[in-house]
Protein backbone atom coordinates (compact mmCIF):
# COMPACT_ATOMS: atom_id res chain seq x y z
CA MET A 1 -21.28 -13.37 -42.41
CA ARG A 2 -20.12 -10.46 -43.19
CA PRO A 3 -23.19 -8.48 -42.42
CA ARG A 4 -22.51 -10.43 -39.23
CA ILE A 5 -19.58 -9.33 -38.65
CA MET A 6 -19.84 -5.42 -39.36
CA LEU A 7 -22.86 -5.55 -36.26
CA LEU A 8 -20.45 -7.47 -33.98
CA ALA A 9 -17.84 -5.10 -34.50
CA PRO A 10 -18.70 -1.70 -32.79
CA MET A 11 -21.13 -3.69 -30.28
CA LEU A 12 -16.98 -5.31 -29.03
CA LEU A 13 -15.46 -2.52 -29.39
CA ALA A 14 -17.58 -0.54 -27.20
CA THR A 15 -17.86 -3.15 -25.24
CA SER A 16 -14.08 -2.79 -24.51
CA LEU A 17 -14.85 0.65 -23.69
CA ALA A 18 -16.94 0.84 -21.31
CA LEU A 19 -14.39 -1.40 -19.66
CA PRO A 20 -12.59 -0.23 -16.08
CA ALA A 21 -8.55 0.26 -16.83
CA LYS A 22 -6.92 -0.75 -15.06
CA ALA A 23 -4.29 0.20 -13.07
CA GLN A 24 -0.03 -0.79 -13.98
CA THR A 25 0.93 0.40 -10.64
CA ILE A 26 2.69 -2.03 -8.30
CA ILE A 27 4.97 -0.42 -5.32
CA ASP A 28 6.79 -3.38 -3.55
CA MET A 29 6.46 -2.41 0.25
CA SER A 30 9.79 -3.71 1.67
CA LEU A 31 11.11 -1.19 -0.05
CA ILE A 32 9.67 2.08 1.16
CA THR A 33 11.97 3.94 2.93
CA CYS A 34 11.43 6.04 5.68
CA GLN A 35 11.87 9.12 3.75
CA GLN A 36 9.57 8.65 1.50
CA TYR A 37 7.15 7.72 3.79
CA PHE A 38 7.53 10.31 4.98
CA ASP A 39 8.14 12.41 0.86
CA ALA A 40 3.86 10.71 0.19
CA PRO A 41 0.67 12.83 0.94
CA PRO A 42 -0.71 11.95 3.27
CA ASP A 43 -3.65 10.08 2.40
CA GLN A 44 -1.00 7.28 0.84
CA GLN A 45 1.21 7.45 4.48
CA ARG A 46 -2.52 6.27 5.96
CA LEU A 47 -3.34 3.62 3.45
CA ILE A 48 1.18 2.81 3.63
CA ALA A 49 0.26 2.44 7.94
CA TRP A 50 -2.51 0.29 7.56
CA TRP A 51 -0.96 -2.04 4.79
CA MET A 52 1.90 -2.72 6.91
CA ARG A 53 -0.57 -2.82 10.26
CA GLY A 54 -2.53 -5.67 8.31
CA TYR A 55 1.08 -7.31 7.42
CA TYR A 56 2.33 -7.73 10.01
CA SER A 57 -0.96 -8.28 11.86
CA ALA A 58 -0.90 -11.07 9.37
CA ALA A 59 2.88 -12.40 10.25
CA LYS A 60 1.70 -13.34 13.62
CA ASN A 61 -0.91 -14.77 12.82
CA PHE A 62 -3.86 -11.95 14.81
CA SER A 63 -7.69 -12.12 13.66
CA THR A 64 -7.91 -8.63 15.32
CA ILE A 65 -6.10 -5.26 15.23
CA ASP A 66 -5.81 -3.80 19.30
CA PHE A 67 -6.28 0.10 18.84
CA ARG A 68 -3.90 0.85 21.04
CA TYR A 69 -1.09 -1.36 20.76
CA VAL A 70 -1.15 0.39 16.83
CA ASP A 71 -1.32 4.47 18.57
CA TYR A 72 1.24 3.25 20.69
CA ASN A 73 3.44 1.78 17.91
CA THR A 74 2.59 4.18 15.50
CA LYS A 75 4.52 6.98 17.75
CA VAL A 76 7.22 4.93 18.57
CA VAL A 77 8.16 3.41 14.67
CA THR A 78 7.81 7.91 13.34
CA ALA A 79 9.70 8.82 15.97
CA TYR A 80 12.25 6.29 15.28
CA CYS A 81 12.70 7.04 11.27
CA LYS A 82 12.47 10.78 12.25
CA LYS A 83 15.78 10.62 13.15
CA LYS A 84 18.67 11.49 10.48
CA GLN A 85 20.71 8.74 10.96
CA ASN A 86 17.15 5.99 10.18
CA ARG A 87 15.70 8.27 6.90
CA ASN A 88 17.69 5.94 4.34
CA GLU A 89 15.83 2.44 6.41
CA THR A 90 13.31 0.64 5.19
CA LEU A 91 9.51 1.26 7.20
CA MET A 92 9.46 -1.94 7.06
CA SER A 93 13.11 -2.53 8.79
CA ALA A 94 11.99 0.36 11.22
CA ILE A 95 8.93 -1.61 12.14
CA GLN A 96 11.36 -4.82 12.90
CA LYS A 97 12.89 -3.11 15.35
CA ASN A 98 10.01 -1.44 17.70
CA ALA A 99 6.92 -2.35 16.12
CA ARG A 100 5.45 -4.57 19.48
């Protein structure tokens, strides 16, 4: 029995080391402020923006995305968020107030 354990232990260890590490980052998208959005690197801004577009499309039960509205809404929400008085507002709130 002992030789079997001695053979299995290294194989289990090797298998566990080969598994990819899981990220432990959880982001509550409803808490991201306009300022945090602007402070994020461009690739994260795109990720956040596309997540928001998908979220609101799903909320309206749309299965398609009209890129004309995407461009329009991005410009309108960005202009709204750039105003100093709106910098601490959540991005979700800014989208709900300004997007079509």
